[in-house]
Amino acid sequence: MGRWEVLFETQDGSEWRDHISRLRASDTQIDWSAVRVDTFCGRTVQPTTFRLSLFVPN
């Protein structure tokens, strides 16, 4: 049991790539096996959204 906590969200593809690169290069301890990456594909009405979430157990 637990929940997904959003760590980062953007609609800018280059900002998304930069953020992920910085996380991988940093000393921040992230359990990548508990991370979820969502890409909500936009259409003409809404832009594509990128979201990074971490599973947090209760």
C-alpha atoms as a PDB file:
ATOM      1  CA  MET A   1       0.000   0.000   0.000  1.00  0.00           C
ATOM      2  CA  GLY A   2       1.159   3.504  -0.739  1.00  0.00           C
ATOM      3  CA  ARG A   3       0.806   6.398  -3.132  1.00  0.00           C
ATOM      4  CA  TRP A   4       2.575   8.020  -6.075  1.00  0.00           C
ATOM      5  CA  GLU A   5       4.131  11.390  -5.198  1.00  0.00           C
ATOM      6  CA  VAL A   6       4.862  13.727  -8.119  1.00  0.00           C
ATOM      7  CA  LEU A   7       8.491  14.872  -8.057  1.00  0.00           C
ATOM      8  CA  PHE A   8       8.511  16.893 -11.268  1.00  0.00           C
ATOM      9  CA  GLU A   9       6.092  17.828 -14.041  1.00  0.00           C
ATOM     10  CA  THR A  10       6.510  19.975 -17.149  1.00  0.00           C
ATOM     11  CA  GLN A  11       5.171  20.544 -20.643  1.00  0.00           C
ATOM     12  CA  ASP A  12       8.604  21.515 -21.975  1.00  0.00           C
ATOM     13  CA  GLY A  13      10.500  18.574 -23.513  1.00  0.00           C
ATOM     14  CA  SER A  14      13.952  20.139 -23.150  1.00  0.00           C
ATOM     15  CA  GLU A  15      13.272  21.076 -19.524  1.00  0.00           C
ATOM     16  CA  TRP A  16      12.195  17.454 -18.935  1.00  0.00           C
ATOM     17  CA  ARG A  17      15.413  16.024 -20.419  1.00  0.00           C
ATOM     18  CA  ASP A  18      17.561  18.516 -18.495  1.00  0.00           C
ATOM     19  CA  HIS A  19      15.857  17.694 -15.202  1.00  0.00           C
ATOM     20  CA  ILE A  20      16.290  13.928 -15.662  1.00  0.00           C
ATOM     21  CA  SER A  21      19.948  14.414 -16.627  1.00  0.00           C
ATOM     22  CA  ARG A  22      20.582  16.545 -13.540  1.00  0.00           C
ATOM     23  CA  LEU A  23      18.913  13.952 -11.295  1.00  0.00           C
ATOM     24  CA  ARG A  24      21.055  11.150 -12.712  1.00  0.00           C
ATOM     25  CA  ALA A  25      24.244  13.200 -12.298  1.00  0.00           C
ATOM     26  CA  SER A  26      23.453  14.485  -8.799  1.00  0.00           C
ATOM     27  CA  ASP A  27      24.162  12.964  -5.410  1.00  0.00           C
ATOM     28  CA  THR A  28      20.416  12.723  -4.750  1.00  0.00           C
ATOM     29  CA  GLN A  29      19.575   9.187  -3.686  1.00  0.00           C
ATOM     30  CA  ILE A  30      16.606   8.045  -5.770  1.00  0.00           C
ATOM     31  CA  ASP A  31      15.395   4.465  -5.851  1.00  0.00           C
ATOM     32  CA  TRP A  32      14.870   4.297  -9.624  1.00  0.00           C
ATOM     33  CA  SER A  33      12.996   0.993  -9.236  1.00  0.00           C
ATOM     34  CA  ALA A  34      10.257   2.950  -7.411  1.00  0.00           C
ATOM     35  CA  VAL A  35      10.001   5.713 -10.026  1.00  0.00           C
ATOM     36  CA  ARG A  36       7.270   6.083 -12.618  1.00  0.00           C
ATOM     37  CA  VAL A  37       7.540   8.192 -15.772  1.00  0.00           C
ATOM     38  CA  ASP A  38       4.295   9.274 -17.397  1.00  0.00           C
ATOM     39  CA  THR A  39       3.930  11.022 -20.737  1.00  0.00           C
ATOM     40  CA  PHE A  40       0.477  12.395 -21.323  1.00  0.00           C
ATOM     41  CA  CYS A  41       0.323  12.879 -25.069  1.00  0.00           C
ATOM     42  CA  GLY A  42      -1.316  16.098 -26.055  1.00  0.00           C
ATOM     43  CA  ARG A  43      -3.386  16.726 -29.077  1.00  0.00           C
ATOM     44  CA  THR A  44      -4.123  20.017 -30.763  1.00  0.00           C
ATOM     45  CA  VAL A  45      -5.985  21.243 -27.661  1.00  0.00           C
ATOM     46  CA  GLN A  46      -3.525  20.285 -24.893  1.00  0.00           C
ATOM     47  CA  PRO A  47       0.273  20.121 -24.916  1.00  0.00           C
ATOM     48  CA  THR A  48       2.168  16.937 -24.016  1.00  0.00           C
ATOM     49  CA  THR A  49       2.922  16.698 -20.285  1.00  0.00           C
ATOM     50  CA  PHE A  50       5.834  14.806 -18.743  1.00  0.00           C
ATOM     51  CA  ARG A  51       5.591  13.642 -15.114  1.00  0.00           C
ATOM     52  CA  LEU A  52       8.086  11.953 -12.796  1.00  0.00           C
ATOM     53  CA  SER A  53       6.582  10.258  -9.728  1.00  0.00           C
ATOM     54  CA  LEU A  54       8.015   8.281  -6.830  1.00  0.00           C
ATOM     55  CA  PHE A  55       6.146   5.475  -5.031  1.00  0.00           C
ATOM     56  CA  VAL A  56       5.916   6.243  -1.313  1.00  0.00           C
ATOM     57  CA  PRO A  57       4.832   3.295   0.842  1.00  0.00           C
ATOM     58  CA  ASN A  58       2.487   3.933   3.778  1.00  0.00           C
END
